[in-house]
Amino acid sequence: MKLALGVTAIVLLLLVSGCEKQEAPQQAVYQPAYRPADLTAGTKFTPLPAKIVTTPEIKILPVPLPAYATNVSAIWGATGRDDAGNIYYGVSTAGVAESVGNDSRTAYLFQYNPVLDITTAQSDVLSELKRSGLYRPGMGQNKLHSKFYQADDGYLYFTSFDEEGEDDVTNPTWGGHLWRKKPDDIHWEHLLSAEEALVALNTNGRYVYMLGYWDHVLYQYDISNAAVKRTVVGSVKNHVSRNFLVDSQGHAYVPALTESATGDISVVLNHYNEQLQLLATYPLADYNHPNHIKYHHGIVGYTAMRNGDIFFTTSDGNLYQLSTRENGPQKLVAYGSMHPQKNTYIASLFSFEGQEYLLGATQGSKAGMEWVIYHTGLKSAITLPLSGPAVKRADYWGTNTKDDQGNFYVAGWQLISNEAGYQPVFSKISIPAASAAGN
């Protein structure tokens, strides 16, 4: 008996010693394939045209909607591109089409090949919810509102959401969803459901961020391990920023709003790292609306530059530069009004080569739509009219999408001729005799 106990003790000692010598398994290091910085940022740097101060040409592109889609309303800035140069846009709907019933409360995705000038339908939200086994009777997802971004894994990421049942304090009945798809596949993969309406999306290639309302809720999806994080940034009086920013490090920047006891509203740009830890806040003193902050659309236009900096516009017409090289007070620089006329809504923002020049397309007004050429060194702008059938009776919303040939894409809605209501409009802006192959 004593011998048996002794042998047992030795065996246990050896087992424990062996366990102590074992090393914990190493976590895999995320090593994405190299992608150019402009493609990661959802844009394309192209050479300067021979003549910069040139009135661009704008052309309406056909939107091949199915015949039963009689309740389509707009393209809410929901555009993007993949690394191969294909352009994407989402068409949203409003209400219920009588001929289709509740299944019409969906939104449609399209892919446009600018080389072949061909547009291909890429399914719709309710069809993909049914295909994923997530559809429930009465469900709606009538908006594709976010940008479309290709991430480092080759997938295109975007969000959808519903508006039914939402009010000043209540989230929509059917919330929002995060999706992804391969560029050559019309079907989508469902990744995440949220109680909030997921209005915007941005990424640095690894971390896919989503912004939900109300109260500016920030989600993060890590493509390397499918981990999800969430934090509440904060907003007031139903204010929703239509976009937010993500830099090349994977840090996110979201407007945060607070209201004092006396009713004064303060706005800062919150800076979060990849762990969703708040690193800093930067004042946005000119972020306001003359009537009600609810009607302020927050960040509407933005584009990355070659050095990684991000320029963005707010719906009050002001231009800002977010530096990726500076910290402290110089991290965010306010330029004032981008347009010579203050309070001009510059919904779309682009660059030629990602260095000195910014290009802006105004939303539209009684004076018509304008093309704004802004020199970042001189801090001054030249404006040119954008005229023709593509801008008549139309409003264009925020986009930063370019193709490899240097063309710019804007999207929105257009008043239906001699009828009540609107229809979606998708247009290409090009510089005459100057659209060259990308570098």
Protein backbone atom coordinates (compact mmCIF):
# COMPACT_ATOMS: atom_id res chain seq x y z
CA MET A 1 0.00 0.00 0.00
CA LYS A 2 2.81 2.42 0.87
CA LEU A 3 4.67 1.51 -2.35
CA ALA A 4 1.57 2.11 -4.42
CA LEU A 5 1.08 5.51 -2.80
CA GLY A 6 4.69 6.41 -3.45
CA VAL A 7 4.45 5.53 -7.14
CA THR A 8 1.21 7.46 -7.42
CA ALA A 9 2.82 10.51 -5.83
CA ILE A 10 5.76 10.36 -8.26
CA VAL A 11 3.41 10.06 -11.24
CA LEU A 12 1.36 13.04 -10.02
CA LEU A 13 4.53 15.07 -9.47
CA LEU A 14 5.68 14.34 -13.02
CA LEU A 15 2.27 15.26 -14.41
CA VAL A 16 2.21 18.55 -12.49
CA SER A 17 5.76 19.34 -13.54
CA GLY A 18 4.86 18.62 -17.15
CA CYS A 19 1.85 20.90 -16.89
CA GLU A 20 3.95 23.70 -15.43
CA LYS A 21 6.40 23.48 -18.32
CA GLN A 22 3.67 23.78 -20.97
CA GLU A 23 3.39 27.25 -22.52
CA ALA A 24 0.09 28.94 -23.23
CA PRO A 25 -0.85 28.82 -26.91
CA GLN A 26 0.14 31.96 -28.80
CA GLN A 27 -2.67 34.07 -30.15
CA ALA A 28 -2.51 34.48 -33.90
CA VAL A 29 -1.19 37.87 -35.01
CA TYR A 30 -3.37 39.72 -37.47
CA GLN A 31 -1.36 40.15 -40.67
CA PRO A 32 -3.51 41.50 -43.51
CA ALA A 33 -2.39 41.55 -47.11
CA TYR A 34 -1.13 44.94 -48.25
CA ARG A 35 -3.72 47.28 -49.71
CA PRO A 36 -3.13 50.87 -50.87
CA ALA A 37 -4.19 53.45 -48.31
CA ASP A 38 -6.62 55.15 -50.66
CA LEU A 39 -8.52 51.92 -51.36
CA THR A 40 -8.66 51.12 -47.64
CA ALA A 41 -10.15 54.59 -47.10
CA GLY A 42 -12.77 53.94 -49.78
CA THR A 43 -11.43 56.36 -52.37
CA LYS A 44 -8.88 56.55 -55.21
CA PHE A 45 -6.00 58.98 -55.73
CA THR A 46 -5.71 60.01 -59.38
CA PRO A 47 -3.45 62.52 -61.19
CA LEU A 48 -4.34 66.19 -61.34
CA PRO A 49 -6.28 67.03 -64.49
CA ALA A 50 -4.62 69.21 -67.10
CA LYS A 51 -6.97 72.02 -66.13
CA ILE A 52 -8.12 72.04 -62.53
CA VAL A 53 -10.55 74.96 -62.72
CA THR A 54 -12.95 73.33 -65.14
CA THR A 55 -16.72 72.99 -64.93
CA PRO A 56 -17.33 69.25 -64.53
CA GLU A 57 -19.83 67.26 -66.53
CA ILE A 58 -22.55 65.46 -64.59
CA LYS A 59 -24.47 62.52 -66.03
CA ILE A 60 -27.41 60.61 -64.59
CA LEU A 61 -26.88 56.84 -64.59
CA PRO A 62 -29.89 54.48 -64.87
CA VAL A 63 -31.10 52.73 -61.71
CA PRO A 64 -32.54 49.36 -62.88
CA LEU A 65 -35.16 48.84 -60.19
CA PRO A 66 -37.54 45.88 -60.35
CA ALA A 67 -41.00 46.72 -61.69
CA TYR A 68 -42.67 46.09 -58.33
CA ALA A 69 -40.41 48.60 -56.51
CA THR A 70 -42.95 51.41 -56.70
CA ASN A 71 -42.13 52.96 -53.32
CA VAL A 72 -38.42 53.76 -53.75
CA SER A 73 -37.42 57.18 -52.42
CA ALA A 74 -33.70 57.97 -52.40
CA ILE A 75 -30.05 56.99 -52.24
CA TRP A 76 -29.06 58.49 -48.88
CA GLY A 77 -25.35 58.84 -49.66
CA ALA A 78 -25.09 55.04 -49.54
CA THR A 79 -22.25 54.57 -52.00
CA GLY A 80 -18.85 52.90 -52.04
CA ARG A 81 -16.35 50.92 -54.10
CA ASP A 82 -14.29 47.74 -54.02
CA ASP A 83 -10.61 47.33 -54.81
CA ALA A 84 -11.39 46.23 -58.38
CA GLY A 85 -13.06 49.57 -59.07
CA ASN A 86 -16.72 48.50 -58.96
CA ILE A 87 -19.09 51.11 -57.52
CA TYR A 88 -21.95 50.25 -55.14
CA TYR A 89 -25.08 52.11 -54.08
CA GLY A 90 -28.14 51.33 -51.97
CA VAL A 91 -31.68 52.45 -52.82
CA SER A 92 -34.02 53.03 -49.88
CA THR A 93 -37.80 52.86 -49.81
CA ALA A 94 -40.57 54.58 -47.89
CA GLY A 95 -43.99 53.24 -46.97
CA VAL A 96 -45.60 50.11 -48.39
CA ALA A 97 -46.19 49.54 -52.10
CA GLU A 98 -49.80 48.42 -52.45
CA SER A 99 -48.96 45.92 -55.18
CA VAL A 100 -46.38 44.12 -53.04
CA GLY A 101 -47.51 44.65 -49.47
CA ASN A 102 -45.18 44.51 -46.49
CA ASP A 103 -42.38 42.85 -48.46
CA SER A 104 -41.85 46.19 -50.18
CA ARG A 105 -40.39 47.62 -46.96
CA THR A 106 -36.90 46.68 -48.05
CA ALA A 107 -33.86 48.36 -49.66
CA TYR A 108 -31.98 47.40 -52.82
CA LEU A 109 -28.26 47.05 -53.51
CA PHE A 110 -26.63 47.62 -56.91
CA GLN A 111 -23.13 47.21 -58.35
CA TYR A 112 -21.98 49.47 -61.19
CA ASN A 113 -19.00 48.59 -63.40
CA PRO A 114 -17.71 51.95 -64.73
CA VAL A 115 -15.50 50.35 -67.40
CA LEU A 116 -18.31 48.31 -68.97
CA ASP A 117 -21.03 50.80 -67.97
CA ILE A 118 -23.14 47.95 -66.58
CA THR A 119 -25.28 47.94 -63.44
CA THR A 120 -26.13 44.65 -61.70
CA ALA A 121 -28.72 44.06 -58.97
CA GLN A 122 -27.19 42.66 -55.77
CA SER A 123 -30.33 41.49 -53.91
CA ASP A 124 -32.27 43.38 -51.21
CA VAL A 125 -32.42 43.37 -47.42
CA LEU A 126 -35.61 41.39 -46.79
CA SER A 127 -34.62 38.72 -49.33
CA GLU A 128 -31.31 38.27 -47.53
CA LEU A 129 -32.98 38.18 -44.11
CA LYS A 130 -35.19 35.37 -45.40
CA ARG A 131 -32.21 33.57 -46.88
CA SER A 132 -30.42 33.85 -43.51
CA GLY A 133 -33.43 32.52 -41.60
CA LEU A 134 -33.82 35.78 -39.66
CA TYR A 135 -36.98 37.14 -41.25
CA ARG A 136 -40.08 37.49 -39.07
CA PRO A 137 -43.61 38.34 -40.27
CA GLY A 138 -44.05 42.09 -40.50
CA MET A 139 -40.32 42.81 -40.48
CA GLY A 140 -39.03 45.83 -42.38
CA GLN A 141 -35.57 47.13 -43.34
CA ASN A 142 -36.28 50.02 -45.65
CA LYS A 143 -32.92 51.79 -45.49
CA LEU A 144 -29.44 51.13 -46.79
CA HIS A 145 -27.89 54.35 -45.47
CA SER A 146 -24.27 53.53 -44.69
CA LYS A 147 -21.24 53.72 -46.97
CA PHE A 148 -19.98 50.47 -48.57
CA TYR A 149 -16.39 49.57 -47.67
CA GLN A 150 -14.19 46.66 -48.69
CA ALA A 151 -12.16 45.46 -45.71
CA ASP A 152 -8.86 43.59 -45.55
CA ASP A 153 -10.59 40.21 -45.79
CA GLY A 154 -11.96 41.05 -49.25
CA TYR A 155 -15.57 41.41 -48.10
CA LEU A 156 -17.73 44.47 -48.69
CA TYR A 157 -19.29 45.70 -45.40
CA PHE A 158 -22.48 47.75 -44.97
CA THR A 159 -25.54 48.17 -42.73
CA SER A 160 -29.32 48.30 -43.04
CA PHE A 161 -32.03 49.52 -40.70
CA ASP A 162 -35.74 50.02 -40.20
CA GLU A 163 -37.70 53.19 -39.36
CA GLU A 164 -41.06 51.73 -38.29
CA GLY A 165 -42.01 52.56 -34.72
CA GLU A 166 -39.19 54.97 -33.97
CA ASP A 167 -39.92 58.23 -32.18
CA ASP A 168 -38.02 60.74 -30.08
CA VAL A 169 -37.01 58.18 -27.47
CA THR A 170 -37.74 54.79 -29.04
CA ASN A 171 -35.58 52.72 -31.36
CA PRO A 172 -37.17 51.37 -34.55
CA THR A 173 -39.16 48.16 -34.20
CA TRP A 174 -36.77 46.03 -36.24
CA GLY A 175 -33.48 47.74 -35.45
CA GLY A 176 -30.44 47.46 -37.69
CA HIS A 177 -28.10 44.84 -39.15
CA LEU A 178 -24.47 44.50 -40.23
CA TRP A 179 -23.84 42.67 -43.50
CA ARG A 180 -20.96 41.66 -45.71
CA LYS A 181 -20.65 40.17 -49.20
CA LYS A 182 -17.94 39.25 -51.68
CA PRO A 183 -17.79 41.62 -54.68
CA ASP A 184 -18.52 38.75 -57.10
CA ASP A 185 -21.46 37.33 -55.08
CA ILE A 186 -24.95 38.81 -55.11
CA HIS A 187 -25.85 37.23 -51.76
CA TRP A 188 -24.92 38.61 -48.36
CA GLU A 189 -23.72 37.21 -45.02
CA HIS A 190 -25.42 38.42 -41.84
CA LEU A 191 -23.03 39.35 -39.01
CA LEU A 192 -24.81 41.35 -36.33
CA SER A 193 -28.23 42.55 -35.21
CA ALA A 194 -28.64 45.75 -33.21
CA GLU A 195 -31.60 47.39 -31.50
CA GLU A 196 -30.48 50.76 -32.90
CA ALA A 197 -30.80 52.04 -36.47
CA LEU A 198 -27.28 51.59 -37.88
CA VAL A 199 -27.01 54.76 -39.92
CA ALA A 200 -23.29 54.88 -40.80
CA LEU A 201 -20.27 52.60 -41.23
CA ASN A 202 -16.52 53.17 -41.54
CA THR A 203 -13.35 51.04 -41.27
CA ASN A 204 -9.56 51.01 -41.39
CA GLY A 205 -9.59 47.58 -43.03
CA ARG A 206 -9.64 45.51 -39.82
CA TYR A 207 -12.05 47.24 -37.44
CA VAL A 208 -15.49 47.86 -38.91
CA TYR A 209 -17.33 50.54 -36.96
CA MET A 210 -21.06 51.31 -37.04
CA LEU A 211 -22.96 54.28 -35.64
CA GLY A 212 -26.49 53.78 -34.33
CA TYR A 213 -29.19 56.12 -33.10
CA TRP A 214 -30.45 57.31 -30.76
CA ASP A 215 -27.67 58.64 -28.49
CA HIS A 216 -24.79 57.94 -30.93
CA VAL A 217 -24.09 54.31 -30.08
CA LEU A 218 -20.77 53.12 -31.54
CA TYR A 219 -20.27 49.44 -32.45
CA GLN A 220 -17.02 47.77 -33.49
CA TYR A 221 -16.68 44.48 -35.38
CA ASP A 222 -13.18 42.99 -35.57
CA ILE A 223 -12.85 41.02 -38.82
CA SER A 224 -9.89 39.03 -37.43
CA ASN A 225 -11.95 37.26 -34.74
CA ALA A 226 -15.59 38.46 -35.12
CA ALA A 227 -15.43 40.15 -31.69
CA VAL A 228 -18.00 42.90 -31.10
CA LYS A 229 -17.62 45.93 -28.82
CA ARG A 230 -20.11 48.70 -28.06
CA THR A 231 -20.06 52.08 -26.34
CA VAL A 232 -22.51 54.97 -25.98
CA VAL A 233 -20.98 58.23 -27.21
CA GLY A 234 -23.95 60.44 -26.38
CA SER A 235 -26.23 62.89 -28.18
CA VAL A 236 -29.19 65.11 -27.38
CA LYS A 237 -32.54 66.16 -28.87
CA ASN A 238 -32.55 63.41 -31.52
CA HIS A 239 -29.45 64.71 -33.21
CA VAL A 240 -27.85 62.09 -35.50
CA SER A 241 -24.56 62.62 -37.31
CA ARG A 242 -24.89 61.07 -40.76
CA ASN A 243 -21.23 60.02 -40.76
CA PHE A 244 -18.21 59.60 -38.48
CA LEU A 245 -14.48 59.09 -39.02
CA VAL A 246 -11.98 56.23 -38.72
CA ASP A 247 -8.23 56.72 -39.22
CA SER A 248 -5.63 54.25 -40.51
CA GLN A 249 -4.81 53.08 -36.96
CA GLY A 250 -8.37 51.97 -36.40
CA HIS A 251 -9.27 54.87 -34.11
CA ALA A 252 -12.83 56.20 -34.34
CA TYR A 253 -14.01 59.83 -34.07
CA VAL A 254 -17.66 60.57 -33.28
CA PRO A 255 -19.46 63.82 -32.36
CA ALA A 256 -20.62 63.79 -28.73
CA LEU A 257 -23.34 66.22 -27.60
CA THR A 258 -24.35 67.29 -24.10
CA GLU A 259 -26.94 69.77 -22.84
CA SER A 260 -26.52 71.97 -19.77
CA ALA A 261 -29.19 72.74 -17.21
CA THR A 262 -29.79 76.05 -18.99
CA GLY A 263 -30.31 74.37 -22.36
CA ASP A 264 -26.92 75.17 -23.88
CA ILE A 265 -25.59 72.42 -26.15
CA SER A 266 -21.88 71.59 -26.27
CA VAL A 267 -20.32 69.47 -29.01
CA VAL A 268 -16.95 67.74 -29.05
CA LEU A 269 -15.38 65.13 -31.30
CA ASN A 270 -14.70 62.03 -29.18
CA HIS A 271 -11.54 60.08 -30.04
CA TYR A 272 -11.64 56.31 -29.31
CA ASN A 273 -8.85 53.77 -29.71
CA GLU A 274 -9.31 50.24 -31.03
CA GLN A 275 -10.35 49.10 -27.52
CA LEU A 276 -13.13 51.71 -27.57
CA GLN A 277 -11.35 53.62 -24.81
CA LEU A 278 -11.89 57.38 -24.91
CA LEU A 279 -8.50 58.98 -25.55
CA ALA A 280 -9.38 62.65 -26.05
CA THR A 281 -12.07 65.16 -26.99
CA TYR A 282 -11.72 68.01 -29.49
CA PRO A 283 -14.07 71.01 -29.48
CA LEU A 284 -16.50 71.57 -32.38
CA ALA A 285 -17.58 75.08 -31.45
CA ASP A 286 -19.23 75.88 -34.81
CA TYR A 287 -21.29 72.67 -34.90
CA ASN A 288 -24.79 74.12 -34.67
CA HIS A 289 -28.07 74.74 -36.44
CA PRO A 290 -29.94 78.06 -36.46
CA ASN A 291 -33.24 76.43 -35.53
CA HIS A 292 -32.80 73.08 -33.79
CA ILE A 293 -29.86 70.71 -33.36
CA LYS A 294 -32.18 67.87 -34.46
CA TYR A 295 -31.98 69.25 -38.01
CA HIS A 296 -28.18 69.39 -38.01
CA HIS A 297 -26.84 66.40 -39.98
CA GLY A 298 -23.47 66.36 -38.27
CA ILE A 299 -20.54 65.13 -40.36
CA VAL A 300 -21.81 64.91 -43.94
CA GLY A 301 -18.75 64.82 -46.21
CA TYR A 302 -15.24 63.44 -45.62
CA THR A 303 -12.23 62.15 -47.52
CA ALA A 304 -8.80 60.82 -46.59
CA MET A 305 -5.59 62.35 -47.95
CA ARG A 306 -2.33 60.71 -49.02
CA ASN A 307 -0.64 61.45 -45.67
CA GLY A 308 -3.55 59.86 -43.76
CA ASP A 309 -5.19 63.10 -42.65
CA ILE A 310 -8.96 63.33 -42.99
CA PHE A 311 -10.83 66.42 -44.13
CA PHE A 312 -14.53 66.62 -43.32
CA THR A 313 -17.48 68.96 -43.60
CA THR A 314 -20.41 69.43 -41.27
CA SER A 315 -23.91 70.31 -42.43
CA ASP A 316 -23.45 73.89 -41.23
CA GLY A 317 -20.89 74.33 -44.05
CA ASN A 318 -17.68 74.24 -42.02
CA LEU A 319 -14.49 72.39 -42.99
CA TYR A 320 -12.14 70.59 -40.59
CA GLN A 321 -8.84 68.73 -40.84
CA LEU A 322 -8.19 65.73 -38.58
CA SER A 323 -4.46 65.08 -38.39
CA THR A 324 -3.06 61.57 -37.91
CA ARG A 325 0.39 63.00 -37.08
CA GLU A 326 -0.46 65.57 -34.42
CA ASN A 327 -1.90 65.33 -30.94
CA GLY A 328 -3.32 67.84 -28.50
CA PRO A 329 -4.76 71.13 -29.76
CA GLN A 330 -3.40 70.61 -33.30
CA LYS A 331 -5.16 67.27 -33.76
CA LEU A 332 -8.30 68.96 -35.10
CA VAL A 333 -8.03 72.18 -37.11
CA ALA A 334 -11.10 74.25 -38.02
CA TYR A 335 -10.94 76.04 -41.38
CA GLY A 336 -14.25 77.85 -41.20
CA SER A 337 -16.67 77.85 -44.13
CA MET A 338 -15.48 75.78 -47.10
CA HIS A 339 -17.73 77.69 -49.50
CA PRO A 340 -17.34 81.47 -49.94
CA GLN A 341 -20.97 81.69 -48.85
CA LYS A 342 -21.39 80.52 -45.25
CA ASN A 343 -23.82 77.77 -44.25
CA THR A 344 -23.55 75.99 -47.61
CA TYR A 345 -24.33 72.29 -47.31
CA ILE A 346 -21.38 70.51 -48.98
CA ALA A 347 -22.61 66.95 -48.84
CA SER A 348 -19.88 65.22 -50.87
CA LEU A 349 -16.12 65.55 -50.52
CA PHE A 350 -13.30 64.24 -52.75
CA SER A 351 -9.69 64.81 -53.69
CA PHE A 352 -7.76 64.48 -56.94
CA GLU A 353 -4.36 63.28 -55.82
CA GLY A 354 -4.81 63.31 -52.05
CA GLN A 355 -2.59 66.31 -51.42
CA GLU A 356 -3.51 69.97 -51.94
CA TYR A 357 -6.95 70.03 -53.45
CA LEU A 358 -10.38 69.20 -52.07
CA LEU A 359 -13.44 68.94 -54.31
CA GLY A 360 -16.92 69.44 -52.94
CA ALA A 361 -20.38 69.01 -54.42
CA THR A 362 -23.06 71.09 -52.78
CA GLN A 363 -26.40 69.51 -52.00
CA GLY A 364 -28.41 71.88 -54.14
CA SER A 365 -30.29 75.12 -53.57
CA LYS A 366 -32.25 77.78 -55.42
CA ALA A 367 -28.97 78.78 -57.04
CA GLY A 368 -28.43 75.21 -58.22
CA MET A 369 -25.76 72.66 -57.45
CA GLU A 370 -22.13 73.82 -57.32
CA TRP A 371 -18.65 72.31 -57.64
CA VAL A 372 -16.26 73.69 -55.01
CA ILE A 373 -12.48 73.57 -55.61
CA TYR A 374 -10.65 74.22 -52.33
CA HIS A 375 -6.88 74.65 -51.92
CA THR A 376 -5.86 73.47 -48.46
CA GLY A 377 -2.66 75.53 -48.41
CA LEU A 378 -4.27 78.79 -49.48
CA LYS A 379 -7.45 78.05 -47.52
CA SER A 380 -9.59 79.46 -50.28
CA ALA A 381 -12.20 78.15 -52.69
CA ILE A 382 -13.42 78.64 -56.25
CA THR A 383 -16.97 77.65 -57.13
CA LEU A 384 -18.37 76.56 -60.48
CA PRO A 385 -21.98 75.79 -61.42
CA LEU A 386 -23.10 72.21 -62.01
CA SER A 387 -25.98 72.49 -64.43
CA GLY A 388 -28.03 70.23 -66.63
CA PRO A 389 -30.79 67.63 -66.26
CA ALA A 390 -28.77 65.69 -63.67
CA VAL A 391 -29.13 68.42 -61.09
CA LYS A 392 -32.53 69.88 -61.94
CA ARG A 393 -34.96 69.48 -59.02
CA ALA A 394 -32.50 67.15 -57.25
CA ASP A 395 -30.75 66.94 -53.87
CA TYR A 396 -27.49 65.00 -53.58
CA TRP A 397 -26.36 63.59 -50.24
CA GLY A 398 -22.93 62.80 -48.83
CA THR A 399 -20.44 60.55 -50.64
CA ASN A 400 -16.67 60.20 -51.11
CA THR A 401 -16.74 57.58 -53.89
CA LYS A 402 -14.38 57.73 -56.90
CA ASP A 403 -13.54 55.20 -59.61
CA ASP A 404 -10.13 54.29 -61.06
CA GLN A 405 -10.63 56.69 -63.98
CA GLY A 406 -10.96 59.66 -61.64
CA ASN A 407 -14.75 60.09 -61.89
CA PHE A 408 -16.76 61.13 -58.85
CA TYR A 409 -20.15 59.68 -57.83
CA VAL A 410 -23.01 61.49 -56.10
CA ALA A 411 -26.42 60.18 -55.16
CA GLY A 412 -29.68 61.42 -53.73
CA TRP A 413 -33.24 62.01 -54.80
CA GLN A 414 -34.97 63.91 -57.57
CA LEU A 415 -38.44 65.42 -57.69
CA ILE A 416 -40.64 63.40 -60.02
CA SER A 417 -41.72 65.53 -62.96
CA ASN A 418 -45.37 66.64 -62.73
CA GLU A 419 -45.92 64.27 -59.81
CA ALA A 420 -45.72 64.35 -56.05
CA GLY A 421 -42.80 62.62 -54.39
CA TYR A 422 -39.22 61.75 -55.24
CA GLN A 423 -37.24 59.08 -57.03
CA PRO A 424 -33.62 57.99 -56.48
CA VAL A 425 -30.91 59.59 -58.60
CA PHE A 426 -27.36 58.31 -59.13
CA SER A 427 -24.89 60.43 -61.09
CA LYS A 428 -21.30 60.50 -62.31
CA ILE A 429 -19.24 63.69 -62.25
CA SER A 430 -16.25 63.84 -64.61
CA ILE A 431 -13.67 66.43 -65.60
CA PRO A 432 -13.88 66.97 -69.37
CA ALA A 433 -10.95 65.51 -71.34
CA ALA A 434 -9.07 64.96 -68.10
CA SER A 435 -10.25 61.66 -66.62
CA ALA A 436 -7.04 59.63 -66.63
CA ALA A 437 -6.20 56.19 -65.34
CA GLY A 438 -5.38 56.12 -61.66
CA ASN A 439 -1.80 56.06 -60.39
